[in-house]
Amino acid sequence: MKIITVSDETKRLIDVQALPGYTIRRTAARLPDGRWTIPVDDEVFDRIAAARLPGETDDDTVSRLLRAAIGKKPS
C-alpha cells in the first residue's frame, strides 16, 4: 500500500465517483492542514504516477484525471 495526498476538493471528487456504498472515509485520514492522505494499492499508485505531468502533485494529477472522467474543466 502506498499513500497519496489530496485536497478536500479532490477528495470530494473521489467520493462522488466512488461506487455506491463505498467511501474512502474509512481509510482516508485528514491532516491538520485540511488535506487528506489516502492509501492506494500499488497498481493505482503506478497509474497515477504514469499519468503525472512534470511538476504535478498527487492532488493535481488525481483532480485532473477525475475532472476529465466526469467532463469538468480543470479549475
N, C-alpha and C. Protein backbone atom coordinates (compact mmCIF):
# COMPACT_ATOMS: atom_id res chain seq x y z
N MET A 1 0.84 -1.18 0.00
CA MET A 1 0.00 0.00 0.00
C MET A 1 0.89 1.24 0.00
N LYS A 2 0.50 2.18 -0.83
CA LYS A 2 1.18 3.46 -0.87
C LYS A 2 0.18 4.53 -0.49
N ILE A 3 0.66 5.73 -0.21
CA ILE A 3 -0.19 6.82 0.25
C ILE A 3 -0.12 7.97 -0.74
N ILE A 4 -1.30 8.53 -1.09
CA ILE A 4 -1.35 9.76 -1.86
C ILE A 4 -1.95 10.83 -0.96
N THR A 5 -1.65 12.09 -1.27
CA THR A 5 -2.19 13.21 -0.51
C THR A 5 -2.98 14.09 -1.45
N VAL A 6 -4.23 14.37 -1.07
CA VAL A 6 -5.11 15.18 -1.92
C VAL A 6 -5.80 16.26 -1.09
N SER A 7 -6.30 17.27 -1.79
CA SER A 7 -7.04 18.35 -1.14
C SER A 7 -8.45 17.88 -0.79
N ASP A 8 -9.13 18.70 0.00
CA ASP A 8 -10.52 18.41 0.35
C ASP A 8 -11.38 18.38 -0.90
N GLU A 9 -11.14 19.29 -1.84
CA GLU A 9 -11.92 19.33 -3.09
C GLU A 9 -11.73 18.04 -3.90
N THR A 10 -10.49 17.58 -4.01
CA THR A 10 -10.22 16.35 -4.76
C THR A 10 -10.83 15.15 -4.06
N LYS A 11 -10.79 15.13 -2.73
CA LYS A 11 -11.42 14.03 -2.00
C LYS A 11 -12.92 14.00 -2.28
N ARG A 12 -13.55 15.18 -2.35
CA ARG A 12 -14.99 15.22 -2.68
C ARG A 12 -15.23 14.66 -4.07
N LEU A 13 -14.35 14.99 -5.03
CA LEU A 13 -14.49 14.43 -6.38
C LEU A 13 -14.37 12.91 -6.36
N ILE A 14 -13.45 12.40 -5.55
CA ILE A 14 -13.28 10.95 -5.42
C ILE A 14 -14.56 10.35 -4.84
N ASP A 15 -15.10 10.98 -3.79
CA ASP A 15 -16.33 10.47 -3.16
C ASP A 15 -17.48 10.41 -4.16
N VAL A 16 -17.60 11.43 -5.00
CA VAL A 16 -18.68 11.47 -6.00
C VAL A 16 -18.55 10.32 -6.99
N GLN A 17 -17.33 9.95 -7.33
CA GLN A 17 -17.09 8.90 -8.31
C GLN A 17 -17.03 7.50 -7.71
N ALA A 18 -17.05 7.40 -6.39
CA ALA A 18 -16.95 6.09 -5.73
C ALA A 18 -18.17 5.24 -6.03
N LEU A 19 -17.98 3.96 -6.01
CA LEU A 19 -19.08 3.02 -6.20
C LEU A 19 -20.12 3.20 -5.09
N PRO A 20 -21.39 2.97 -5.39
CA PRO A 20 -22.42 3.11 -4.35
C PRO A 20 -22.07 2.26 -3.12
N GLY A 21 -22.23 2.87 -1.96
CA GLY A 21 -21.96 2.16 -0.71
C GLY A 21 -20.51 2.16 -0.29
N TYR A 22 -19.64 2.74 -1.11
CA TYR A 22 -18.22 2.76 -0.76
C TYR A 22 -17.76 4.19 -0.54
N THR A 23 -17.00 4.40 0.48
CA THR A 23 -16.41 5.71 0.74
C THR A 23 -14.97 5.53 1.18
N ILE A 24 -14.13 6.46 0.79
CA ILE A 24 -12.73 6.37 1.24
C ILE A 24 -12.58 6.89 2.66
N ARG A 25 -13.66 7.42 3.21
CA ARG A 25 -13.59 7.95 4.58
C ARG A 25 -13.12 6.88 5.55
N ARG A 26 -13.40 5.63 5.24
CA ARG A 26 -12.98 4.53 6.12
C ARG A 26 -11.46 4.42 6.19
N THR A 27 -10.79 4.75 5.10
CA THR A 27 -9.34 4.57 5.05
C THR A 27 -8.56 5.87 4.96
N ALA A 28 -9.22 6.96 4.59
CA ALA A 28 -8.55 8.25 4.46
C ALA A 28 -8.36 8.89 5.83
N ALA A 29 -7.31 9.69 5.94
CA ALA A 29 -7.05 10.41 7.19
C ALA A 29 -6.87 11.89 6.87
N ARG A 30 -7.58 12.71 7.61
CA ARG A 30 -7.49 14.16 7.41
C ARG A 30 -6.28 14.70 8.15
N LEU A 31 -5.51 15.52 7.46
CA LEU A 31 -4.34 16.16 8.06
C LEU A 31 -4.74 17.49 8.68
N PRO A 32 -3.94 18.02 9.60
CA PRO A 32 -4.27 19.29 10.24
C PRO A 32 -4.44 20.45 9.25
N ASP A 33 -3.77 20.39 8.11
CA ASP A 33 -3.88 21.48 7.12
C ASP A 33 -5.08 21.32 6.19
N GLY A 34 -5.93 20.30 6.42
CA GLY A 34 -7.14 20.11 5.64
C GLY A 34 -7.00 19.15 4.47
N ARG A 35 -5.77 18.75 4.14
CA ARG A 35 -5.58 17.77 3.08
C ARG A 35 -5.88 16.38 3.64
N TRP A 36 -5.95 15.40 2.75
CA TRP A 36 -6.25 14.02 3.11
C TRP A 36 -5.13 13.09 2.64
N THR A 37 -4.79 12.11 3.45
CA THR A 37 -3.92 11.02 3.00
C THR A 37 -4.83 9.83 2.75
N ILE A 38 -4.58 9.18 1.61
CA ILE A 38 -5.42 8.07 1.19
C ILE A 38 -4.53 6.91 0.77
N PRO A 39 -4.67 5.74 1.42
CA PRO A 39 -3.91 4.59 0.98
C PRO A 39 -4.47 4.05 -0.34
N VAL A 40 -3.59 3.74 -1.26
CA VAL A 40 -3.99 3.16 -2.55
C VAL A 40 -3.10 1.96 -2.82
N ASP A 41 -3.62 1.01 -3.57
CA ASP A 41 -2.79 -0.15 -3.88
C ASP A 41 -1.72 0.22 -4.91
N ASP A 42 -0.77 -0.64 -5.08
CA ASP A 42 0.38 -0.35 -5.94
C ASP A 42 -0.03 -0.06 -7.38
N GLU A 43 -1.03 -0.77 -7.90
CA GLU A 43 -1.46 -0.55 -9.28
C GLU A 43 -2.03 0.86 -9.46
N VAL A 44 -2.87 1.30 -8.52
CA VAL A 44 -3.43 2.65 -8.59
C VAL A 44 -2.33 3.68 -8.49
N PHE A 45 -1.41 3.48 -7.56
CA PHE A 45 -0.29 4.40 -7.39
C PHE A 45 0.53 4.50 -8.68
N ASP A 46 0.80 3.36 -9.30
CA ASP A 46 1.57 3.35 -10.55
C ASP A 46 0.83 4.05 -11.68
N ARG A 47 -0.48 3.90 -11.73
CA ARG A 47 -1.27 4.57 -12.78
C ARG A 47 -1.27 6.09 -12.57
N ILE A 48 -1.36 6.51 -11.32
CA ILE A 48 -1.28 7.95 -11.03
C ILE A 48 0.09 8.48 -11.43
N ALA A 49 1.13 7.74 -11.08
CA ALA A 49 2.49 8.15 -11.43
C ALA A 49 2.68 8.23 -12.94
N ALA A 50 2.11 7.29 -13.68
CA ALA A 50 2.25 7.27 -15.13
C ALA A 50 1.51 8.44 -15.78
N ALA A 51 0.43 8.89 -15.17
CA ALA A 51 -0.37 9.99 -15.73
C ALA A 51 0.15 11.37 -15.30
N ARG A 52 1.03 11.38 -14.30
CA ARG A 52 1.51 12.65 -13.73
C ARG A 52 2.30 13.44 -14.77
N LEU A 53 1.96 14.71 -14.90
CA LEU A 53 2.70 15.63 -15.76
C LEU A 53 3.84 16.25 -14.95
N PRO A 54 4.88 16.72 -15.62
CA PRO A 54 6.00 17.32 -14.87
C PRO A 54 5.52 18.42 -13.92
N GLY A 55 5.96 18.33 -12.69
CA GLY A 55 5.63 19.33 -11.68
C GLY A 55 4.31 19.12 -10.96
N GLU A 56 3.51 18.13 -11.37
CA GLU A 56 2.23 17.88 -10.72
C GLU A 56 2.40 17.14 -9.40
N THR A 57 1.52 17.44 -8.48
CA THR A 57 1.43 16.71 -7.21
C THR A 57 0.41 15.58 -7.38
N ASP A 58 0.30 14.74 -6.36
CA ASP A 58 -0.76 13.71 -6.36
C ASP A 58 -2.11 14.39 -6.57
N ASP A 59 -2.34 15.46 -5.82
CA ASP A 59 -3.61 16.16 -5.90
C ASP A 59 -3.88 16.69 -7.30
N ASP A 60 -2.89 17.32 -7.91
CA ASP A 60 -3.06 17.85 -9.27
C ASP A 60 -3.44 16.74 -10.25
N THR A 61 -2.72 15.64 -10.16
CA THR A 61 -2.92 14.54 -11.11
C THR A 61 -4.30 13.90 -10.92
N VAL A 62 -4.63 13.56 -9.68
CA VAL A 62 -5.91 12.90 -9.42
C VAL A 62 -7.06 13.82 -9.78
N SER A 63 -6.96 15.09 -9.44
CA SER A 63 -8.01 16.05 -9.78
C SER A 63 -8.19 16.16 -11.29
N ARG A 64 -7.09 16.26 -12.02
CA ARG A 64 -7.15 16.36 -13.48
C ARG A 64 -7.81 15.12 -14.09
N LEU A 65 -7.41 13.94 -13.62
CA LEU A 65 -7.96 12.70 -14.15
C LEU A 65 -9.45 12.56 -13.84
N LEU A 66 -9.83 12.91 -12.62
CA LEU A 66 -11.24 12.81 -12.25
C LEU A 66 -12.09 13.81 -13.03
N ARG A 67 -11.60 15.02 -13.19
CA ARG A 67 -12.36 16.03 -13.96
C ARG A 67 -12.51 15.60 -15.40
N ALA A 68 -11.48 15.00 -15.96
CA ALA A 68 -11.57 14.50 -17.33
C ALA A 68 -12.60 13.38 -17.42
N ALA A 69 -12.63 12.51 -16.42
CA ALA A 69 -13.56 11.38 -16.43
C ALA A 69 -15.01 11.84 -16.31
N ILE A 70 -15.25 12.93 -15.59
CA ILE A 70 -16.63 13.38 -15.41
C ILE A 70 -16.96 14.57 -16.31
N GLY A 71 -16.01 14.98 -17.13
CA GLY A 71 -16.27 16.02 -18.12
C GLY A 71 -16.25 17.44 -17.60
N LYS A 72 -15.51 17.71 -16.52
CA LYS A 72 -15.39 19.07 -15.99
C LYS A 72 -14.07 19.67 -16.43
N LYS A 73 -14.07 20.98 -16.63
CA LYS A 73 -12.84 21.67 -16.94
C LYS A 73 -12.00 21.81 -15.68
N PRO A 74 -10.67 21.70 -15.80
CA PRO A 74 -9.82 21.89 -14.62
C PRO A 74 -9.99 23.30 -14.07
N SER A 75 -9.88 23.44 -12.75
CA SER A 75 -10.01 24.77 -12.15
C SER A 75 -8.67 25.48 -12.14
